Amino acid sequence: KQVTPQSKIVPYKIIDVKESKADSL
């Protein structure tokens, strides 16, 4: 947001627990 204040950010969640690893697939 600081770099692109007018941008629209779309979250895609691939990790949910701290210290866990994201599934590459």
PDBML (XML) file of the C-alpha atoms, coordinates in Angstrom:
<?xml version="1.0" encoding="UTF-8" ?>
<PDBx:datablock datablockName="MODEL"
   xmlns:PDBx="http://pdbml.pdb.org/schema/pdbx-v50.xsd"
   xmlns:xsi="http://www.w3.org/2001/XMLSchema-instance"
   xsi:schemaLocation="http://pdbml.pdb.org/schema/pdbx-v50.xsd pdbx-v50.xsd">
   <PDBx:atom_siteCategory>
      <PDBx:atom_site id="1">
         <PDBx:B_iso_or_equiv>0.00</PDBx:B_iso_or_equiv>
         <PDBx:Cartn_x>0.000</PDBx:Cartn_x>
         <PDBx:Cartn_y>0.000</PDBx:Cartn_y>
         <PDBx:Cartn_z>0.000</PDBx:Cartn_z>
         <PDBx:auth_asym_id>A</PDBx:auth_asym_id>
         <PDBx:auth_atom_id>CA</PDBx:auth_atom_id>
         <PDBx:auth_comp_id>LYS</PDBx:auth_comp_id>
         <PDBx:auth_seq_id>1</PDBx:auth_seq_id>
         <PDBx:group_PDB>ATOM</PDBx:group_PDB>
         <PDBx:label_alt_id xsi:nil="true" />
         <PDBx:label_asym_id>A</PDBx:label_asym_id>
         <PDBx:label_atom_id>CA</PDBx:label_atom_id>
         <PDBx:label_comp_id>LYS</PDBx:label_comp_id>
         <PDBx:label_entity_id>1</PDBx:label_entity_id>
         <PDBx:label_seq_id>1</PDBx:label_seq_id>
         <PDBx:occupancy>1.00</PDBx:occupancy>
         <PDBx:pdbx_PDB_model_num>1</PDBx:pdbx_PDB_model_num>
         <PDBx:type_symbol>C</PDBx:type_symbol>
      </PDBx:atom_site>
      <PDBx:atom_site id="2">
         <PDBx:B_iso_or_equiv>0.00</PDBx:B_iso_or_equiv>
         <PDBx:Cartn_x>2.848</PDBx:Cartn_x>
         <PDBx:Cartn_y>2.407</PDBx:Cartn_y>
         <PDBx:Cartn_z>0.754</PDBx:Cartn_z>
         <PDBx:auth_asym_id>A</PDBx:auth_asym_id>
         <PDBx:auth_atom_id>CA</PDBx:auth_atom_id>
         <PDBx:auth_comp_id>GLN</PDBx:auth_comp_id>
         <PDBx:auth_seq_id>2</PDBx:auth_seq_id>
         <PDBx:group_PDB>ATOM</PDBx:group_PDB>
         <PDBx:label_alt_id xsi:nil="true" />
         <PDBx:label_asym_id>A</PDBx:label_asym_id>
         <PDBx:label_atom_id>CA</PDBx:label_atom_id>
         <PDBx:label_comp_id>GLN</PDBx:label_comp_id>
         <PDBx:label_entity_id>1</PDBx:label_entity_id>
         <PDBx:label_seq_id>2</PDBx:label_seq_id>
         <PDBx:occupancy>1.00</PDBx:occupancy>
         <PDBx:pdbx_PDB_model_num>1</PDBx:pdbx_PDB_model_num>
         <PDBx:type_symbol>C</PDBx:type_symbol>
      </PDBx:atom_site>
      <PDBx:atom_site id="3">
         <PDBx:B_iso_or_equiv>0.00</PDBx:B_iso_or_equiv>
         <PDBx:Cartn_x>4.381</PDBx:Cartn_x>
         <PDBx:Cartn_y>1.788</PDBx:Cartn_y>
         <PDBx:Cartn_z>-2.664</PDBx:Cartn_z>
         <PDBx:auth_asym_id>A</PDBx:auth_asym_id>
         <PDBx:auth_atom_id>CA</PDBx:auth_atom_id>
         <PDBx:auth_comp_id>VAL</PDBx:auth_comp_id>
         <PDBx:auth_seq_id>3</PDBx:auth_seq_id>
         <PDBx:group_PDB>ATOM</PDBx:group_PDB>
         <PDBx:label_alt_id xsi:nil="true" />
         <PDBx:label_asym_id>A</PDBx:label_asym_id>
         <PDBx:label_atom_id>CA</PDBx:label_atom_id>
         <PDBx:label_comp_id>VAL</PDBx:label_comp_id>
         <PDBx:label_entity_id>1</PDBx:label_entity_id>
         <PDBx:label_seq_id>3</PDBx:label_seq_id>
         <PDBx:occupancy>1.00</PDBx:occupancy>
         <PDBx:pdbx_PDB_model_num>1</PDBx:pdbx_PDB_model_num>
         <PDBx:type_symbol>C</PDBx:type_symbol>
      </PDBx:atom_site>
      <PDBx:atom_site id="4">
         <PDBx:B_iso_or_equiv>0.00</PDBx:B_iso_or_equiv>
         <PDBx:Cartn_x>1.048</PDBx:Cartn_x>
         <PDBx:Cartn_y>1.754</PDBx:Cartn_y>
         <PDBx:Cartn_z>-4.552</PDBx:Cartn_z>
         <PDBx:auth_asym_id>A</PDBx:auth_asym_id>
         <PDBx:auth_atom_id>CA</PDBx:auth_atom_id>
         <PDBx:auth_comp_id>THR</PDBx:auth_comp_id>
         <PDBx:auth_seq_id>4</PDBx:auth_seq_id>
         <PDBx:group_PDB>ATOM</PDBx:group_PDB>
         <PDBx:label_alt_id xsi:nil="true" />
         <PDBx:label_asym_id>A</PDBx:label_asym_id>
         <PDBx:label_atom_id>CA</PDBx:label_atom_id>
         <PDBx:label_comp_id>THR</PDBx:label_comp_id>
         <PDBx:label_entity_id>1</PDBx:label_entity_id>
         <PDBx:label_seq_id>4</PDBx:label_seq_id>
         <PDBx:occupancy>1.00</PDBx:occupancy>
         <PDBx:pdbx_PDB_model_num>1</PDBx:pdbx_PDB_model_num>
         <PDBx:type_symbol>C</PDBx:type_symbol>
      </PDBx:atom_site>
      <PDBx:atom_site id="5">
         <PDBx:B_iso_or_equiv>0.00</PDBx:B_iso_or_equiv>
         <PDBx:Cartn_x>-1.531</PDBx:Cartn_x>
         <PDBx:Cartn_y>3.612</PDBx:Cartn_y>
         <PDBx:Cartn_z>-2.422</PDBx:Cartn_z>
         <PDBx:auth_asym_id>A</PDBx:auth_asym_id>
         <PDBx:auth_atom_id>CA</PDBx:auth_atom_id>
         <PDBx:auth_comp_id>PRO</PDBx:auth_comp_id>
         <PDBx:auth_seq_id>5</PDBx:auth_seq_id>
         <PDBx:group_PDB>ATOM</PDBx:group_PDB>
         <PDBx:label_alt_id xsi:nil="true" />
         <PDBx:label_asym_id>A</PDBx:label_asym_id>
         <PDBx:label_atom_id>CA</PDBx:label_atom_id>
         <PDBx:label_comp_id>PRO</PDBx:label_comp_id>
         <PDBx:label_entity_id>1</PDBx:label_entity_id>
         <PDBx:label_seq_id>5</PDBx:label_seq_id>
         <PDBx:occupancy>1.00</PDBx:occupancy>
         <PDBx:pdbx_PDB_model_num>1</PDBx:pdbx_PDB_model_num>
         <PDBx:type_symbol>C</PDBx:type_symbol>
      </PDBx:atom_site>
      <PDBx:atom_site id="6">
         <PDBx:B_iso_or_equiv>0.00</PDBx:B_iso_or_equiv>
         <PDBx:Cartn_x>-4.375</PDBx:Cartn_x>
         <PDBx:Cartn_y>3.155</PDBx:Cartn_y>
         <PDBx:Cartn_z>-4.936</PDBx:Cartn_z>
         <PDBx:auth_asym_id>A</PDBx:auth_asym_id>
         <PDBx:auth_atom_id>CA</PDBx:auth_atom_id>
         <PDBx:auth_comp_id>GLN</PDBx:auth_comp_id>
         <PDBx:auth_seq_id>6</PDBx:auth_seq_id>
         <PDBx:group_PDB>ATOM</PDBx:group_PDB>
         <PDBx:label_alt_id xsi:nil="true" />
         <PDBx:label_asym_id>A</PDBx:label_asym_id>
         <PDBx:label_atom_id>CA</PDBx:label_atom_id>
         <PDBx:label_comp_id>GLN</PDBx:label_comp_id>
         <PDBx:label_entity_id>1</PDBx:label_entity_id>
         <PDBx:label_seq_id>6</PDBx:label_seq_id>
         <PDBx:occupancy>1.00</PDBx:occupancy>
         <PDBx:pdbx_PDB_model_num>1</PDBx:pdbx_PDB_model_num>
         <PDBx:type_symbol>C</PDBx:type_symbol>
      </PDBx:atom_site>
      <PDBx:atom_site id="7">
         <PDBx:B_iso_or_equiv>0.00</PDBx:B_iso_or_equiv>
         <PDBx:Cartn_x>-3.756</PDBx:Cartn_x>
         <PDBx:Cartn_y>-0.525</PDBx:Cartn_y>
         <PDBx:Cartn_z>-5.577</PDBx:Cartn_z>
         <PDBx:auth_asym_id>A</PDBx:auth_asym_id>
         <PDBx:auth_atom_id>CA</PDBx:auth_atom_id>
         <PDBx:auth_comp_id>SER</PDBx:auth_comp_id>
         <PDBx:auth_seq_id>7</PDBx:auth_seq_id>
         <PDBx:group_PDB>ATOM</PDBx:group_PDB>
         <PDBx:label_alt_id xsi:nil="true" />
         <PDBx:label_asym_id>A</PDBx:label_asym_id>
         <PDBx:label_atom_id>CA</PDBx:label_atom_id>
         <PDBx:label_comp_id>SER</PDBx:label_comp_id>
         <PDBx:label_entity_id>1</PDBx:label_entity_id>
         <PDBx:label_seq_id>7</PDBx:label_seq_id>
         <PDBx:occupancy>1.00</PDBx:occupancy>
         <PDBx:pdbx_PDB_model_num>1</PDBx:pdbx_PDB_model_num>
         <PDBx:type_symbol>C</PDBx:type_symbol>
      </PDBx:atom_site>
      <PDBx:atom_site id="8">
         <PDBx:B_iso_or_equiv>0.00</PDBx:B_iso_or_equiv>
         <PDBx:Cartn_x>-6.304</PDBx:Cartn_x>
         <PDBx:Cartn_y>-3.264</PDBx:Cartn_y>
         <PDBx:Cartn_z>-4.998</PDBx:Cartn_z>
         <PDBx:auth_asym_id>A</PDBx:auth_asym_id>
         <PDBx:auth_atom_id>CA</PDBx:auth_atom_id>
         <PDBx:auth_comp_id>LYS</PDBx:auth_comp_id>
         <PDBx:auth_seq_id>8</PDBx:auth_seq_id>
         <PDBx:group_PDB>ATOM</PDBx:group_PDB>
         <PDBx:label_alt_id xsi:nil="true" />
         <PDBx:label_asym_id>A</PDBx:label_asym_id>
         <PDBx:label_atom_id>CA</PDBx:label_atom_id>
         <PDBx:label_comp_id>LYS</PDBx:label_comp_id>
         <PDBx:label_entity_id>1</PDBx:label_entity_id>
         <PDBx:label_seq_id>8</PDBx:label_seq_id>
         <PDBx:occupancy>1.00</PDBx:occupancy>
         <PDBx:pdbx_PDB_model_num>1</PDBx:pdbx_PDB_model_num>
         <PDBx:type_symbol>C</PDBx:type_symbol>
      </PDBx:atom_site>
      <PDBx:atom_site id="9">
         <PDBx:B_iso_or_equiv>0.00</PDBx:B_iso_or_equiv>
         <PDBx:Cartn_x>-4.778</PDBx:Cartn_x>
         <PDBx:Cartn_y>-6.157</PDBx:Cartn_y>
         <PDBx:Cartn_z>-3.088</PDBx:Cartn_z>
         <PDBx:auth_asym_id>A</PDBx:auth_asym_id>
         <PDBx:auth_atom_id>CA</PDBx:auth_atom_id>
         <PDBx:auth_comp_id>ILE</PDBx:auth_comp_id>
         <PDBx:auth_seq_id>9</PDBx:auth_seq_id>
         <PDBx:group_PDB>ATOM</PDBx:group_PDB>
         <PDBx:label_alt_id xsi:nil="true" />
         <PDBx:label_asym_id>A</PDBx:label_asym_id>
         <PDBx:label_atom_id>CA</PDBx:label_atom_id>
         <PDBx:label_comp_id>ILE</PDBx:label_comp_id>
         <PDBx:label_entity_id>1</PDBx:label_entity_id>
         <PDBx:label_seq_id>9</PDBx:label_seq_id>
         <PDBx:occupancy>1.00</PDBx:occupancy>
         <PDBx:pdbx_PDB_model_num>1</PDBx:pdbx_PDB_model_num>
         <PDBx:type_symbol>C</PDBx:type_symbol>
      </PDBx:atom_site>
      <PDBx:atom_site id="10">
         <PDBx:B_iso_or_equiv>0.00</PDBx:B_iso_or_equiv>
         <PDBx:Cartn_x>-6.239</PDBx:Cartn_x>
         <PDBx:Cartn_y>-9.634</PDBx:Cartn_y>
         <PDBx:Cartn_z>-3.522</PDBx:Cartn_z>
         <PDBx:auth_asym_id>A</PDBx:auth_asym_id>
         <PDBx:auth_atom_id>CA</PDBx:auth_atom_id>
         <PDBx:auth_comp_id>VAL</PDBx:auth_comp_id>
         <PDBx:auth_seq_id>10</PDBx:auth_seq_id>
         <PDBx:group_PDB>ATOM</PDBx:group_PDB>
         <PDBx:label_alt_id xsi:nil="true" />
         <PDBx:label_asym_id>A</PDBx:label_asym_id>
         <PDBx:label_atom_id>CA</PDBx:label_atom_id>
         <PDBx:label_comp_id>VAL</PDBx:label_comp_id>
         <PDBx:label_entity_id>1</PDBx:label_entity_id>
         <PDBx:label_seq_id>10</PDBx:label_seq_id>
         <PDBx:occupancy>1.00</PDBx:occupancy>
         <PDBx:pdbx_PDB_model_num>1</PDBx:pdbx_PDB_model_num>
         <PDBx:type_symbol>C</PDBx:type_symbol>
      </PDBx:atom_site>
      <PDBx:atom_site id="11">
         <PDBx:B_iso_or_equiv>0.00</PDBx:B_iso_or_equiv>
         <PDBx:Cartn_x>-5.178</PDBx:Cartn_x>
         <PDBx:Cartn_y>-12.140</PDBx:Cartn_y>
         <PDBx:Cartn_z>-0.829</PDBx:Cartn_z>
         <PDBx:auth_asym_id>A</PDBx:auth_asym_id>
         <PDBx:auth_atom_id>CA</PDBx:auth_atom_id>
         <PDBx:auth_comp_id>PRO</PDBx:auth_comp_id>
         <PDBx:auth_seq_id>11</PDBx:auth_seq_id>
         <PDBx:group_PDB>ATOM</PDBx:group_PDB>
         <PDBx:label_alt_id xsi:nil="true" />
         <PDBx:label_asym_id>A</PDBx:label_asym_id>
         <PDBx:label_atom_id>CA</PDBx:label_atom_id>
         <PDBx:label_comp_id>PRO</PDBx:label_comp_id>
         <PDBx:label_entity_id>1</PDBx:label_entity_id>
         <PDBx:label_seq_id>11</PDBx:label_seq_id>
         <PDBx:occupancy>1.00</PDBx:occupancy>
         <PDBx:pdbx_PDB_model_num>1</PDBx:pdbx_PDB_model_num>
         <PDBx:type_symbol>C</PDBx:type_symbol>
      </PDBx:atom_site>
      <PDBx:atom_site id="12">
         <PDBx:B_iso_or_equiv>0.00</PDBx:B_iso_or_equiv>
         <PDBx:Cartn_x>-4.571</PDBx:Cartn_x>
         <PDBx:Cartn_y>-15.764</PDBx:Cartn_y>
         <PDBx:Cartn_z>-1.785</PDBx:Cartn_z>
         <PDBx:auth_asym_id>A</PDBx:auth_asym_id>
         <PDBx:auth_atom_id>CA</PDBx:auth_atom_id>
         <PDBx:auth_comp_id>TYR</PDBx:auth_comp_id>
         <PDBx:auth_seq_id>12</PDBx:auth_seq_id>
         <PDBx:group_PDB>ATOM</PDBx:group_PDB>
         <PDBx:label_alt_id xsi:nil="true" />
         <PDBx:label_asym_id>A</PDBx:label_asym_id>
         <PDBx:label_atom_id>CA</PDBx:label_atom_id>
         <PDBx:label_comp_id>TYR</PDBx:label_comp_id>
         <PDBx:label_entity_id>1</PDBx:label_entity_id>
         <PDBx:label_seq_id>12</PDBx:label_seq_id>
         <PDBx:occupancy>1.00</PDBx:occupancy>
         <PDBx:pdbx_PDB_model_num>1</PDBx:pdbx_PDB_model_num>
         <PDBx:type_symbol>C</PDBx:type_symbol>
      </PDBx:atom_site>
      <PDBx:atom_site id="13">
         <PDBx:B_iso_or_equiv>0.00</PDBx:B_iso_or_equiv>
         <PDBx:Cartn_x>-3.940</PDBx:Cartn_x>
         <PDBx:Cartn_y>-17.749</PDBx:Cartn_y>
         <PDBx:Cartn_z>1.383</PDBx:Cartn_z>
         <PDBx:auth_asym_id>A</PDBx:auth_asym_id>
         <PDBx:auth_atom_id>CA</PDBx:auth_atom_id>
         <PDBx:auth_comp_id>LYS</PDBx:auth_comp_id>
         <PDBx:auth_seq_id>13</PDBx:auth_seq_id>
         <PDBx:group_PDB>ATOM</PDBx:group_PDB>
         <PDBx:label_alt_id xsi:nil="true" />
         <PDBx:label_asym_id>A</PDBx:label_asym_id>
         <PDBx:label_atom_id>CA</PDBx:label_atom_id>
         <PDBx:label_comp_id>LYS</PDBx:label_comp_id>
         <PDBx:label_entity_id>1</PDBx:label_entity_id>
         <PDBx:label_seq_id>13</PDBx:label_seq_id>
         <PDBx:occupancy>1.00</PDBx:occupancy>
         <PDBx:pdbx_PDB_model_num>1</PDBx:pdbx_PDB_model_num>
         <PDBx:type_symbol>C</PDBx:type_symbol>
      </PDBx:atom_site>
      <PDBx:atom_site id="14">
         <PDBx:B_iso_or_equiv>0.00</PDBx:B_iso_or_equiv>
         <PDBx:Cartn_x>-1.475</PDBx:Cartn_x>
         <PDBx:Cartn_y>-20.622</PDBx:Cartn_y>
         <PDBx:Cartn_z>1.136</PDBx:Cartn_z>
         <PDBx:auth_asym_id>A</PDBx:auth_asym_id>
         <PDBx:auth_atom_id>CA</PDBx:auth_atom_id>
         <PDBx:auth_comp_id>ILE</PDBx:auth_comp_id>
         <PDBx:auth_seq_id>14</PDBx:auth_seq_id>
         <PDBx:group_PDB>ATOM</PDBx:group_PDB>
         <PDBx:label_alt_id xsi:nil="true" />
         <PDBx:label_asym_id>A</PDBx:label_asym_id>
         <PDBx:label_atom_id>CA</PDBx:label_atom_id>
         <PDBx:label_comp_id>ILE</PDBx:label_comp_id>
         <PDBx:label_entity_id>1</PDBx:label_entity_id>
         <PDBx:label_seq_id>14</PDBx:label_seq_id>
         <PDBx:occupancy>1.00</PDBx:occupancy>
         <PDBx:pdbx_PDB_model_num>1</PDBx:pdbx_PDB_model_num>
         <PDBx:type_symbol>C</PDBx:type_symbol>
      </PDBx:atom_site>
      <PDBx:atom_site id="15">
         <PDBx:B_iso_or_equiv>0.00</PDBx:B_iso_or_equiv>
         <PDBx:Cartn_x>-0.259</PDBx:Cartn_x>
         <PDBx:Cartn_y>-20.737</PDBx:Cartn_y>
         <PDBx:Cartn_z>4.753</PDBx:Cartn_z>
         <PDBx:auth_asym_id>A</PDBx:auth_asym_id>
         <PDBx:auth_atom_id>CA</PDBx:auth_atom_id>
         <PDBx:auth_comp_id>ILE</PDBx:auth_comp_id>
         <PDBx:auth_seq_id>15</PDBx:auth_seq_id>
         <PDBx:group_PDB>ATOM</PDBx:group_PDB>
         <PDBx:label_alt_id xsi:nil="true" />
         <PDBx:label_asym_id>A</PDBx:label_asym_id>
         <PDBx:label_atom_id>CA</PDBx:label_atom_id>
         <PDBx:label_comp_id>ILE</PDBx:label_comp_id>
         <PDBx:label_entity_id>1</PDBx:label_entity_id>
         <PDBx:label_seq_id>15</PDBx:label_seq_id>
         <PDBx:occupancy>1.00</PDBx:occupancy>
         <PDBx:pdbx_PDB_model_num>1</PDBx:pdbx_PDB_model_num>
         <PDBx:type_symbol>C</PDBx:type_symbol>
      </PDBx:atom_site>
      <PDBx:atom_site id="16">
         <PDBx:B_iso_or_equiv>0.00</PDBx:B_iso_or_equiv>
         <PDBx:Cartn_x>-2.179</PDBx:Cartn_x>
         <PDBx:Cartn_y>-20.519</PDBx:Cartn_y>
         <PDBx:Cartn_z>8.030</PDBx:Cartn_z>
         <PDBx:auth_asym_id>A</PDBx:auth_asym_id>
         <PDBx:auth_atom_id>CA</PDBx:auth_atom_id>
         <PDBx:auth_comp_id>ASP</PDBx:auth_comp_id>
         <PDBx:auth_seq_id>16</PDBx:auth_seq_id>
         <PDBx:group_PDB>ATOM</PDBx:group_PDB>
         <PDBx:label_alt_id xsi:nil="true" />
         <PDBx:label_asym_id>A</PDBx:label_asym_id>
         <PDBx:label_atom_id>CA</PDBx:label_atom_id>
         <PDBx:label_comp_id>ASP</PDBx:label_comp_id>
         <PDBx:label_entity_id>1</PDBx:label_entity_id>
         <PDBx:label_seq_id>16</PDBx:label_seq_id>
         <PDBx:occupancy>1.00</PDBx:occupancy>
         <PDBx:pdbx_PDB_model_num>1</PDBx:pdbx_PDB_model_num>
         <PDBx:type_symbol>C</PDBx:type_symbol>
      </PDBx:atom_site>
      <PDBx:atom_site id="17">
         <PDBx:B_iso_or_equiv>0.00</PDBx:B_iso_or_equiv>
         <PDBx:Cartn_x>0.170</PDBx:Cartn_x>
         <PDBx:Cartn_y>-21.464</PDBx:Cartn_y>
         <PDBx:Cartn_z>10.861</PDBx:Cartn_z>
         <PDBx:auth_asym_id>A</PDBx:auth_asym_id>
         <PDBx:auth_atom_id>CA</PDBx:auth_atom_id>
         <PDBx:auth_comp_id>VAL</PDBx:auth_comp_id>
         <PDBx:auth_seq_id>17</PDBx:auth_seq_id>
         <PDBx:group_PDB>ATOM</PDBx:group_PDB>
         <PDBx:label_alt_id xsi:nil="true" />
         <PDBx:label_asym_id>A</PDBx:label_asym_id>
         <PDBx:label_atom_id>CA</PDBx:label_atom_id>
         <PDBx:label_comp_id>VAL</PDBx:label_comp_id>
         <PDBx:label_entity_id>1</PDBx:label_entity_id>
         <PDBx:label_seq_id>17</PDBx:label_seq_id>
         <PDBx:occupancy>1.00</PDBx:occupancy>
         <PDBx:pdbx_PDB_model_num>1</PDBx:pdbx_PDB_model_num>
         <PDBx:type_symbol>C</PDBx:type_symbol>
      </PDBx:atom_site>
      <PDBx:atom_site id="18">
         <PDBx:B_iso_or_equiv>0.00</PDBx:B_iso_or_equiv>
         <PDBx:Cartn_x>3.335</PDBx:Cartn_x>
         <PDBx:Cartn_y>-19.669</PDBx:Cartn_y>
         <PDBx:Cartn_z>11.918</PDBx:Cartn_z>
         <PDBx:auth_asym_id>A</PDBx:auth_asym_id>
         <PDBx:auth_atom_id>CA</PDBx:auth_atom_id>
         <PDBx:auth_comp_id>LYS</PDBx:auth_comp_id>
         <PDBx:auth_seq_id>18</PDBx:auth_seq_id>
         <PDBx:group_PDB>ATOM</PDBx:group_PDB>
         <PDBx:label_alt_id xsi:nil="true" />
         <PDBx:label_asym_id>A</PDBx:label_asym_id>
         <PDBx:label_atom_id>CA</PDBx:label_atom_id>
         <PDBx:label_comp_id>LYS</PDBx:label_comp_id>
         <PDBx:label_entity_id>1</PDBx:label_entity_id>
         <PDBx:label_seq_id>18</PDBx:label_seq_id>
         <PDBx:occupancy>1.00</PDBx:occupancy>
         <PDBx:pdbx_PDB_model_num>1</PDBx:pdbx_PDB_model_num>
         <PDBx:type_symbol>C</PDBx:type_symbol>
      </PDBx:atom_site>
      <PDBx:atom_site id="19">
         <PDBx:B_iso_or_equiv>0.00</PDBx:B_iso_or_equiv>
         <PDBx:Cartn_x>6.563</PDBx:Cartn_x>
         <PDBx:Cartn_y>-21.613</PDBx:Cartn_y>
         <PDBx:Cartn_z>11.266</PDBx:Cartn_z>
         <PDBx:auth_asym_id>A</PDBx:auth_asym_id>
         <PDBx:auth_atom_id>CA</PDBx:auth_atom_id>
         <PDBx:auth_comp_id>GLU</PDBx:auth_comp_id>
         <PDBx:auth_seq_id>19</PDBx:auth_seq_id>
         <PDBx:group_PDB>ATOM</PDBx:group_PDB>
         <PDBx:label_alt_id xsi:nil="true" />
         <PDBx:label_asym_id>A</PDBx:label_asym_id>
         <PDBx:label_atom_id>CA</PDBx:label_atom_id>
         <PDBx:label_comp_id>GLU</PDBx:label_comp_id>
         <PDBx:label_entity_id>1</PDBx:label_entity_id>
         <PDBx:label_seq_id>19</PDBx:label_seq_id>
         <PDBx:occupancy>1.00</PDBx:occupancy>
         <PDBx:pdbx_PDB_model_num>1</PDBx:pdbx_PDB_model_num>
         <PDBx:type_symbol>C</PDBx:type_symbol>
      </PDBx:atom_site>
      <PDBx:atom_site id="20">
         <PDBx:B_iso_or_equiv>0.00</PDBx:B_iso_or_equiv>
         <PDBx:Cartn_x>4.748</PDBx:Cartn_x>
         <PDBx:Cartn_y>-24.011</PDBx:Cartn_y>
         <PDBx:Cartn_z>8.913</PDBx:Cartn_z>
         <PDBx:auth_asym_id>A</PDBx:auth_asym_id>
         <PDBx:auth_atom_id>CA</PDBx:auth_atom_id>
         <PDBx:auth_comp_id>SER</PDBx:auth_comp_id>
         <PDBx:auth_seq_id>20</PDBx:auth_seq_id>
         <PDBx:group_PDB>ATOM</PDBx:group_PDB>
         <PDBx:label_alt_id xsi:nil="true" />
         <PDBx:label_asym_id>A</PDBx:label_asym_id>
         <PDBx:label_atom_id>CA</PDBx:label_atom_id>
         <PDBx:label_comp_id>SER</PDBx:label_comp_id>
         <PDBx:label_entity_id>1</PDBx:label_entity_id>
         <PDBx:label_seq_id>20</PDBx:label_seq_id>
         <PDBx:occupancy>1.00</PDBx:occupancy>
         <PDBx:pdbx_PDB_model_num>1</PDBx:pdbx_PDB_model_num>
         <PDBx:type_symbol>C</PDBx:type_symbol>
      </PDBx:atom_site>
      <PDBx:atom_site id="21">
         <PDBx:B_iso_or_equiv>0.00</PDBx:B_iso_or_equiv>
         <PDBx:Cartn_x>5.682</PDBx:Cartn_x>
         <PDBx:Cartn_y>-24.487</PDBx:Cartn_y>
         <PDBx:Cartn_z>5.259</PDBx:Cartn_z>
         <PDBx:auth_asym_id>A</PDBx:auth_asym_id>
         <PDBx:auth_atom_id>CA</PDBx:auth_atom_id>
         <PDBx:auth_comp_id>LYS</PDBx:auth_comp_id>
         <PDBx:auth_seq_id>21</PDBx:auth_seq_id>
         <PDBx:group_PDB>ATOM</PDBx:group_PDB>
         <PDBx:label_alt_id xsi:nil="true" />
         <PDBx:label_asym_id>A</PDBx:label_asym_id>
         <PDBx:label_atom_id>CA</PDBx:label_atom_id>
         <PDBx:label_comp_id>LYS</PDBx:label_comp_id>
         <PDBx:label_entity_id>1</PDBx:label_entity_id>
         <PDBx:label_seq_id>21</PDBx:label_seq_id>
         <PDBx:occupancy>1.00</PDBx:occupancy>
         <PDBx:pdbx_PDB_model_num>1</PDBx:pdbx_PDB_model_num>
         <PDBx:type_symbol>C</PDBx:type_symbol>
      </PDBx:atom_site>
      <PDBx:atom_site id="22">
         <PDBx:B_iso_or_equiv>0.00</PDBx:B_iso_or_equiv>
         <PDBx:Cartn_x>3.499</PDBx:Cartn_x>
         <PDBx:Cartn_y>-23.605</PDBx:Cartn_y>
         <PDBx:Cartn_z>2.299</PDBx:Cartn_z>
         <PDBx:auth_asym_id>A</PDBx:auth_asym_id>
         <PDBx:auth_atom_id>CA</PDBx:auth_atom_id>
         <PDBx:auth_comp_id>ALA</PDBx:auth_comp_id>
         <PDBx:auth_seq_id>22</PDBx:auth_seq_id>
         <PDBx:group_PDB>ATOM</PDBx:group_PDB>
         <PDBx:label_alt_id xsi:nil="true" />
         <PDBx:label_asym_id>A</PDBx:label_asym_id>
         <PDBx:label_atom_id>CA</PDBx:label_atom_id>
         <PDBx:label_comp_id>ALA</PDBx:label_comp_id>
         <PDBx:label_entity_id>1</PDBx:label_entity_id>
         <PDBx:label_seq_id>22</PDBx:label_seq_id>
         <PDBx:occupancy>1.00</PDBx:occupancy>
         <PDBx:pdbx_PDB_model_num>1</PDBx:pdbx_PDB_model_num>
         <PDBx:type_symbol>C</PDBx:type_symbol>
      </PDBx:atom_site>
      <PDBx:atom_site id="23">
         <PDBx:B_iso_or_equiv>0.00</PDBx:B_iso_or_equiv>
         <PDBx:Cartn_x>2.536</PDBx:Cartn_x>
         <PDBx:Cartn_y>-26.408</PDBx:Cartn_y>
         <PDBx:Cartn_z>-0.074</PDBx:Cartn_z>
         <PDBx:auth_asym_id>A</PDBx:auth_asym_id>
         <PDBx:auth_atom_id>CA</PDBx:auth_atom_id>
         <PDBx:auth_comp_id>ASP</PDBx:auth_comp_id>
         <PDBx:auth_seq_id>23</PDBx:auth_seq_id>
         <PDBx:group_PDB>ATOM</PDBx:group_PDB>
         <PDBx:label_alt_id xsi:nil="true" />
         <PDBx:label_asym_id>A</PDBx:label_asym_id>
         <PDBx:label_atom_id>CA</PDBx:label_atom_id>
         <PDBx:label_comp_id>ASP</PDBx:label_comp_id>
         <PDBx:label_entity_id>1</PDBx:label_entity_id>
         <PDBx:label_seq_id>23</PDBx:label_seq_id>
         <PDBx:occupancy>1.00</PDBx:occupancy>
         <PDBx:pdbx_PDB_model_num>1</PDBx:pdbx_PDB_model_num>
         <PDBx:type_symbol>C</PDBx:type_symbol>
      </PDBx:atom_site>
      <PDBx:atom_site id="24">
         <PDBx:B_iso_or_equiv>0.00</PDBx:B_iso_or_equiv>
         <PDBx:Cartn_x>4.267</PDBx:Cartn_x>
         <PDBx:Cartn_y>-25.685</PDBx:Cartn_y>
         <PDBx:Cartn_z>-3.398</PDBx:Cartn_z>
         <PDBx:auth_asym_id>A</PDBx:auth_asym_id>
         <PDBx:auth_atom_id>CA</PDBx:auth_atom_id>
         <PDBx:auth_comp_id>SER</PDBx:auth_comp_id>
         <PDBx:auth_seq_id>24</PDBx:auth_seq_id>
         <PDBx:group_PDB>ATOM</PDBx:group_PDB>
         <PDBx:label_alt_id xsi:nil="true" />
         <PDBx:label_asym_id>A</PDBx:label_asym_id>
         <PDBx:label_atom_id>CA</PDBx:label_atom_id>
         <PDBx:label_comp_id>SER</PDBx:label_comp_id>
         <PDBx:label_entity_id>1</PDBx:label_entity_id>
         <PDBx:label_seq_id>24</PDBx:label_seq_id>
         <PDBx:occupancy>1.00</PDBx:occupancy>
         <PDBx:pdbx_PDB_model_num>1</PDBx:pdbx_PDB_model_num>
         <PDBx:type_symbol>C</PDBx:type_symbol>
      </PDBx:atom_site>
      <PDBx:atom_site id="25">
         <PDBx:B_iso_or_equiv>0.00</PDBx:B_iso_or_equiv>
         <PDBx:Cartn_x>1.290</PDBx:Cartn_x>
         <PDBx:Cartn_y>-27.032</PDBx:Cartn_y>
         <PDBx:Cartn_z>-5.327</PDBx:Cartn_z>
         <PDBx:auth_asym_id>A</PDBx:auth_asym_id>
         <PDBx:auth_atom_id>CA</PDBx:auth_atom_id>
         <PDBx:auth_comp_id>LEU</PDBx:auth_comp_id>
         <PDBx:auth_seq_id>25</PDBx:auth_seq_id>
         <PDBx:group_PDB>ATOM</PDBx:group_PDB>
         <PDBx:label_alt_id xsi:nil="true" />
         <PDBx:label_asym_id>A</PDBx:label_asym_id>
         <PDBx:label_atom_id>CA</PDBx:label_atom_id>
         <PDBx:label_comp_id>LEU</PDBx:label_comp_id>
         <PDBx:label_entity_id>1</PDBx:label_entity_id>
         <PDBx:label_seq_id>25</PDBx:label_seq_id>
         <PDBx:occupancy>1.00</PDBx:occupancy>
         <PDBx:pdbx_PDB_model_num>1</PDBx:pdbx_PDB_model_num>
         <PDBx:type_symbol>C</PDBx:type_symbol>
      </PDBx:atom_site>
   </PDBx:atom_siteCategory>
</PDBx:datablock>
